[in-house]
Amino acid sequence: MRFEIEDAGGGCVLGPEVVIVRAEDGRSHVGEIPALAALEREGRAVGIASAGLARLGAGPADCVLICQGNLFDRAAAALVEDGLRVERGQVSPEAHALAEGEHLQALARVLGYTPTMRDRGYAGLNFRLMAELRRRPALWRQWKVSVRVPVDLQAAQAAFWHGRPPAGTRRATPPRGPRRPAAGQG
């Protein structure tokens, strides 16, 4: 039998990260890594993967496909030591959809409503979640300090927190005062 291990929510700024173990017959095991477990992420992923495979009955004759994320580097090594056949690669669309759905359910528990995710990236969702943080400061306990934010997103966040729209969203205004002729003209 083939098993797949996938995660979702690693790039989201709030809430837990979800790890799923899915058997090819549709059975699955879901585990969560809490937002404040930044230093324990890889260790918890090992525990969830091992427990899920044991619960679903994986053995040495089975193949375990693990997504390519670096979250599972230690898990892959531990599973090989346990005698399982491990491959790294892209998981099936079913496993990916299951992980994303579980992540949105975890976010719904944190927020009290189900947020929409318009694309596979987390940029738009993260901006909406930052707006929610501004309205509800109690959500800071769900902030994931382990998420690395790209530099341009950091600048946009700083502008957001200071009440200014991010760069590139406001129409440029013409300079004030009369234009002076360039040197050599006029």
C-alpha atoms as a PDB file:
ATOM      1  CA  MET A   1       0.000   0.000   0.000  1.00  0.00           C
ATOM      2  CA  ARG A   2       1.072   3.585  -0.590  1.00  0.00           C
ATOM      3  CA  PHE A   3       0.946   6.282   2.093  1.00  0.00           C
ATOM      4  CA  GLU A   4       1.375  10.052   1.676  1.00  0.00           C
ATOM      5  CA  ILE A   5       2.487  12.671   4.178  1.00  0.00           C
ATOM      6  CA  GLU A   6       1.658  16.328   3.535  1.00  0.00           C
ATOM      7  CA  ASP A   7       1.500  19.533   5.556  1.00  0.00           C
ATOM      8  CA  ALA A   8      -0.478  22.752   5.234  1.00  0.00           C
ATOM      9  CA  GLY A   9      -0.341  26.079   7.011  1.00  0.00           C
ATOM     10  CA  GLY A  10       3.424  26.445   7.264  1.00  0.00           C
ATOM     11  CA  GLY A  11       3.289  29.769   5.437  1.00  0.00           C
ATOM     12  CA  CYS A  12       0.264  31.075   7.315  1.00  0.00           C
ATOM     13  CA  VAL A  13       0.957  33.695  10.003  1.00  0.00           C
ATOM     14  CA  LEU A  14      -1.721  32.427  12.431  1.00  0.00           C
ATOM     15  CA  GLY A  15      -2.857  29.141  13.869  1.00  0.00           C
ATOM     16  CA  PRO A  16      -1.493  25.635  13.882  1.00  0.00           C
ATOM     17  CA  GLU A  17       0.230  23.833  11.054  1.00  0.00           C
ATOM     18  CA  VAL A  18      -1.517  20.634   9.984  1.00  0.00           C
ATOM     19  CA  VAL A  19       0.220  17.362   9.084  1.00  0.00           C
ATOM     20  CA  ILE A  20      -1.759  14.590   7.441  1.00  0.00           C
ATOM     21  CA  VAL A  21      -0.889  10.966   6.766  1.00  0.00           C
ATOM     22  CA  ARG A  22      -3.136   9.513   4.067  1.00  0.00           C
ATOM     23  CA  ALA A  23      -3.421   5.908   2.901  1.00  0.00           C
ATOM     24  CA  GLU A  24      -4.246   5.223  -0.743  1.00  0.00           C
ATOM     25  CA  ASP A  25      -7.573   3.702   0.335  1.00  0.00           C
ATOM     26  CA  GLY A  26      -8.680   7.095   1.710  1.00  0.00           C
ATOM     27  CA  ARG A  27      -8.109   6.539   5.434  1.00  0.00           C
ATOM     28  CA  SER A  28      -6.168   9.342   7.112  1.00  0.00           C
ATOM     29  CA  HIS A  29      -4.557  10.554  10.313  1.00  0.00           C
ATOM     30  CA  VAL A  30      -4.362  14.281  11.126  1.00  0.00           C
ATOM     31  CA  GLY A  31      -2.087  16.003  13.602  1.00  0.00           C
ATOM     32  CA  GLU A  32      -1.476  19.653  14.446  1.00  0.00           C
ATOM     33  CA  ILE A  33       1.648  21.558  15.361  1.00  0.00           C
ATOM     34  CA  PRO A  34       0.621  24.476  17.606  1.00  0.00           C
ATOM     35  CA  ALA A  35       1.577  28.018  16.611  1.00  0.00           C
ATOM     36  CA  LEU A  36       3.956  28.455  19.549  1.00  0.00           C
ATOM     37  CA  ALA A  37       5.871  25.224  18.843  1.00  0.00           C
ATOM     38  CA  ALA A  38       8.284  26.930  16.419  1.00  0.00           C
ATOM     39  CA  LEU A  39      11.389  25.276  17.864  1.00  0.00           C
ATOM     40  CA  GLU A  40       9.722  21.862  18.018  1.00  0.00           C
ATOM     41  CA  ARG A  41       8.199  21.813  14.510  1.00  0.00           C
ATOM     42  CA  GLU A  42      10.388  19.087  13.021  1.00  0.00           C
ATOM     43  CA  GLY A  43      10.215  16.903  16.130  1.00  0.00           C
ATOM     44  CA  ARG A  44       6.443  17.151  16.233  1.00  0.00           C
ATOM     45  CA  ALA A  45       6.257  16.326  12.514  1.00  0.00           C
ATOM     46  CA  VAL A  46       8.261  13.151  13.206  1.00  0.00           C
ATOM     47  CA  GLY A  47       5.841  12.184  15.976  1.00  0.00           C
ATOM     48  CA  ILE A  48       2.722  12.842  13.881  1.00  0.00           C
ATOM     49  CA  ALA A  49       4.112  10.939  10.868  1.00  0.00           C
ATOM     50  CA  SER A  50       5.186   7.945  12.980  1.00  0.00           C
ATOM     51  CA  ALA A  51       1.902   7.798  14.895  1.00  0.00           C
ATOM     52  CA  GLY A  52      -0.154   8.169  11.732  1.00  0.00           C
ATOM     53  CA  LEU A  53       1.698   5.439   9.854  1.00  0.00           C
ATOM     54  CA  ALA A  54       1.438   3.073  12.840  1.00  0.00           C
ATOM     55  CA  ARG A  55      -2.298   3.802  13.216  1.00  0.00           C
ATOM     56  CA  LEU A  56      -2.914   3.191   9.508  1.00  0.00           C
ATOM     57  CA  GLY A  57      -0.873  -0.038   9.539  1.00  0.00           C
ATOM     58  CA  ALA A  58       2.149   0.845   7.397  1.00  0.00           C
ATOM     59  CA  GLY A  59       4.823  -1.836   7.160  1.00  0.00           C
ATOM     60  CA  PRO A  60       8.193  -2.442   5.495  1.00  0.00           C
ATOM     61  CA  ALA A  61       6.543  -3.565   2.234  1.00  0.00           C
ATOM     62  CA  ASP A  62       4.662  -0.255   1.909  1.00  0.00           C
ATOM     63  CA  CYS A  63       5.867   2.929   0.236  1.00  0.00           C
ATOM     64  CA  VAL A  64       5.668   6.289   2.007  1.00  0.00           C
ATOM     65  CA  LEU A  65       5.637   9.390  -0.215  1.00  0.00           C
ATOM     66  CA  ILE A  66       6.589  12.503   1.745  1.00  0.00           C
ATOM     67  CA  CYS A  67       6.189  16.014   0.377  1.00  0.00           C
ATOM     68  CA  GLN A  68       9.369  17.910  -0.405  1.00  0.00           C
ATOM     69  CA  GLY A  69       9.105  20.493   2.396  1.00  0.00           C
ATOM     70  CA  ASN A  70      12.073  20.694   4.747  1.00  0.00           C
ATOM     71  CA  LEU A  71       9.687  20.184   7.691  1.00  0.00           C
ATOM     72  CA  PHE A  72       9.897  16.452   6.950  1.00  0.00           C
ATOM     73  CA  ASP A  73      13.674  16.013   6.611  1.00  0.00           C
ATOM     74  CA  ARG A  74      14.000  14.511  10.097  1.00  0.00           C
ATOM     75  CA  ALA A  75      10.787  12.503   9.654  1.00  0.00           C
ATOM     76  CA  ALA A  76      12.075  10.932   6.431  1.00  0.00           C
ATOM     77  CA  ALA A  77      15.340   9.912   8.103  1.00  0.00           C
ATOM     78  CA  ALA A  78      13.509   8.499  11.153  1.00  0.00           C
ATOM     79  CA  LEU A  79      11.103   6.490   8.990  1.00  0.00           C
ATOM     80  CA  VAL A  80      13.977   5.004   6.967  1.00  0.00           C
ATOM     81  CA  GLU A  81      15.617   3.979  10.259  1.00  0.00           C
ATOM     82  CA  ASP A  82      12.327   2.303  11.216  1.00  0.00           C
ATOM     83  CA  GLY A  83      12.593   0.166   8.054  1.00  0.00           C
ATOM     84  CA  LEU A  84      10.046   1.923   5.867  1.00  0.00           C
ATOM     85  CA  ARG A  85      10.579   2.643   2.176  1.00  0.00           C
ATOM     86  CA  VAL A  86      10.473   6.449   1.818  1.00  0.00           C
ATOM     87  CA  GLU A  87      10.280   8.604  -1.314  1.00  0.00           C
ATOM     88  CA  ARG A  88      10.270  12.398  -1.497  1.00  0.00           C
ATOM     89  CA  GLY A  89       8.121  14.138  -4.096  1.00  0.00           C
ATOM     90  CA  GLN A  90       4.830  15.781  -4.904  1.00  0.00           C
ATOM     91  CA  VAL A  91       1.823  14.198  -3.213  1.00  0.00           C
ATOM     92  CA  SER A  92      -1.508  13.537  -4.894  1.00  0.00           C
ATOM     93  CA  PRO A  93      -4.091  16.314  -5.311  1.00  0.00           C
ATOM     94  CA  GLU A  94      -6.342  14.410  -2.866  1.00  0.00           C
ATOM     95  CA  ALA A  95      -3.703  14.500  -0.113  1.00  0.00           C
ATOM     96  CA  HIS A  96      -3.015  18.176  -0.773  1.00  0.00           C
ATOM     97  CA  ALA A  97      -6.725  19.063  -0.703  1.00  0.00           C
ATOM     98  CA  LEU A  98      -7.186  17.105   2.539  1.00  0.00           C
ATOM     99  CA  ALA A  99      -4.294  18.965   4.199  1.00  0.00           C
ATOM    100  CA  GLU A 100      -5.526  22.394   3.031  1.00  0.00           C
ATOM    101  CA  GLY A 101      -9.062  21.602   4.195  1.00  0.00           C
ATOM    102  CA  GLU A 102      -7.830  20.513   7.627  1.00  0.00           C
ATOM    103  CA  HIS A 103      -5.739  23.679   7.885  1.00  0.00           C
ATOM    104  CA  LEU A 104      -8.733  25.892   7.100  1.00  0.00           C
ATOM    105  CA  GLN A 105     -10.746  24.008   9.755  1.00  0.00           C
ATOM    106  CA  ALA A 106      -7.947  24.630  12.279  1.00  0.00           C
ATOM    107  CA  LEU A 107      -7.993  28.340  11.380  1.00  0.00           C
ATOM    108  CA  ALA A 108     -11.780  28.368  11.783  1.00  0.00           C
ATOM    109  CA  ARG A 109     -11.373  27.065  15.352  1.00  0.00           C
ATOM    110  CA  VAL A 110      -8.914  29.885  16.087  1.00  0.00           C
ATOM    111  CA  LEU A 111     -10.853  32.694  14.381  1.00  0.00           C
ATOM    112  CA  GLY A 112     -14.436  31.605  14.926  1.00  0.00           C
ATOM    113  CA  TYR A 113     -15.157  31.660  11.180  1.00  0.00           C
ATOM    114  CA  THR A 114     -13.755  29.952   8.091  1.00  0.00           C
ATOM    115  CA  PRO A 115     -11.427  32.255   6.134  1.00  0.00           C
ATOM    116  CA  THR A 116     -11.335  32.059   2.359  1.00  0.00           C
ATOM    117  CA  MET A 117      -8.184  31.035   0.558  1.00  0.00           C
ATOM    118  CA  ARG A 118      -8.261  32.309  -2.992  1.00  0.00           C
ATOM    119  CA  ASP A 119      -4.987  30.867  -4.200  1.00  0.00           C
ATOM    120  CA  ARG A 120      -2.418  28.345  -3.076  1.00  0.00           C
ATOM    121  CA  GLY A 121      -0.108  31.061  -1.752  1.00  0.00           C
ATOM    122  CA  TYR A 122      -0.669  32.596   1.649  1.00  0.00           C
ATOM    123  CA  ALA A 123      -0.006  36.281   0.793  1.00  0.00           C
ATOM    124  CA  GLY A 124      -3.639  37.371   0.447  1.00  0.00           C
ATOM    125  CA  LEU A 125      -4.780  35.237   3.378  1.00  0.00           C
ATOM    126  CA  ASN A 126      -1.978  36.613   5.551  1.00  0.00           C
ATOM    127  CA  PHE A 127      -2.983  40.220   4.822  1.00  0.00           C
ATOM    128  CA  ARG A 128      -6.571  39.420   5.812  1.00  0.00           C
ATOM    129  CA  LEU A 129      -5.340  37.690   8.970  1.00  0.00           C
ATOM    130  CA  MET A 130      -3.158  40.682   9.869  1.00  0.00           C
ATOM    131  CA  ALA A 131      -6.230  42.906   9.592  1.00  0.00           C
ATOM    132  CA  GLU A 132      -8.009  40.490  11.929  1.00  0.00           C
ATOM    133  CA  LEU A 133      -5.063  40.720  14.356  1.00  0.00           C
ATOM    134  CA  ARG A 134      -5.424  44.486  14.361  1.00  0.00           C
ATOM    135  CA  ARG A 135      -9.126  44.184  15.262  1.00  0.00           C
ATOM    136  CA  ARG A 136      -8.672  41.348  17.781  1.00  0.00           C
ATOM    137  CA  PRO A 137      -5.367  41.603  19.700  1.00  0.00           C
ATOM    138  CA  ALA A 138      -6.161  38.429  21.681  1.00  0.00           C
ATOM    139  CA  LEU A 139      -5.237  36.485  18.525  1.00  0.00           C
ATOM    140  CA  TRP A 140      -1.552  37.333  19.079  1.00  0.00           C
ATOM    141  CA  ARG A 141      -1.215  34.107  21.075  1.00  0.00           C
ATOM    142  CA  GLN A 142      -1.857  32.286  17.786  1.00  0.00           C
ATOM    143  CA  TRP A 143       0.862  34.230  15.883  1.00  0.00           C
ATOM    144  CA  LYS A 144       3.469  31.953  14.330  1.00  0.00           C
ATOM    145  CA  VAL A 145       6.850  33.467  15.016  1.00  0.00           C
ATOM    146  CA  SER A 146       8.494  30.771  12.872  1.00  0.00           C
ATOM    147  CA  VAL A 147       7.052  32.097   9.606  1.00  0.00           C
ATOM    148  CA  ARG A 148       9.657  33.903   7.549  1.00  0.00           C
ATOM    149  CA  VAL A 149       8.175  36.814   5.686  1.00  0.00           C
ATOM    150  CA  PRO A 150       9.760  38.091   2.441  1.00  0.00           C
ATOM    151  CA  VAL A 151      11.297  41.565   2.624  1.00  0.00           C
ATOM    152  CA  ASP A 152       8.660  43.193   0.391  1.00  0.00           C
ATOM    153  CA  LEU A 153       5.893  41.716   2.539  1.00  0.00           C
ATOM    154  CA  GLN A 154       7.651  43.033   5.647  1.00  0.00           C
ATOM    155  CA  ALA A 155       7.570  46.556   4.197  1.00  0.00           C
ATOM    156  CA  ALA A 156       3.891  46.139   3.399  1.00  0.00           C
ATOM    157  CA  GLN A 157       3.227  44.903   6.943  1.00  0.00           C
ATOM    158  CA  ALA A 158       5.035  47.905   8.433  1.00  0.00           C
ATOM    159  CA  ALA A 159       2.958  50.244   6.288  1.00  0.00           C
ATOM    160  CA  PHE A 160      -0.190  48.367   7.284  1.00  0.00           C
ATOM    161  CA  TRP A 161       0.529  48.644  11.006  1.00  0.00           C
ATOM    162  CA  HIS A 162       1.208  52.378  10.669  1.00  0.00           C
ATOM    163  CA  GLY A 163      -2.122  52.951   8.917  1.00  0.00           C
ATOM    164  CA  ARG A 164      -0.675  53.580   5.432  1.00  0.00           C
ATOM    165  CA  PRO A 165      -1.538  51.574   2.349  1.00  0.00           C
ATOM    166  CA  PRO A 166       1.296  49.362   1.083  1.00  0.00           C
ATOM    167  CA  ALA A 167       3.583  50.807  -1.586  1.00  0.00           C
ATOM    168  CA  GLY A 168       2.128  50.682  -5.066  1.00  0.00           C
ATOM    169  CA  THR A 169      -1.504  50.854  -3.965  1.00  0.00           C
ATOM    170  CA  ARG A 170      -1.910  54.650  -3.897  1.00  0.00           C
ATOM    171  CA  ARG A 171      -1.972  56.742  -7.052  1.00  0.00           C
ATOM    172  CA  ALA A 172       1.100  58.934  -7.348  1.00  0.00           C
ATOM    173  CA  THR A 173       0.407  62.618  -6.811  1.00  0.00           C
ATOM    174  CA  PRO A 174       2.046  65.253  -8.973  1.00  0.00           C
ATOM    175  CA  PRO A 175       4.786  67.308  -7.328  1.00  0.00           C
ATOM    176  CA  ARG A 176       3.617  70.568  -5.755  1.00  0.00           C
ATOM    177  CA  GLY A 177       4.586  73.922  -7.165  1.00  0.00           C
ATOM    178  CA  PRO A 178       5.453  75.009 -10.693  1.00  0.00           C
ATOM    179  CA  ARG A 179       7.773  72.900 -12.781  1.00  0.00           C
ATOM    180  CA  ARG A 180      11.133  74.438 -13.346  1.00  0.00           C
ATOM    181  CA  PRO A 181      12.645  74.164 -16.796  1.00  0.00           C
ATOM    182  CA  ALA A 182      15.529  71.746 -17.088  1.00  0.00           C
ATOM    183  CA  ALA A 183      19.036  73.153 -17.419  1.00  0.00           C
ATOM    184  CA  GLY A 184      19.665  74.423 -20.941  1.00  0.00           C
ATOM    185  CA  GLN A 185      15.966  74.903 -21.676  1.00  0.00           C
ATOM    186  CA  GLY A 186      13.915  77.927 -21.675  1.00  0.00           C
END
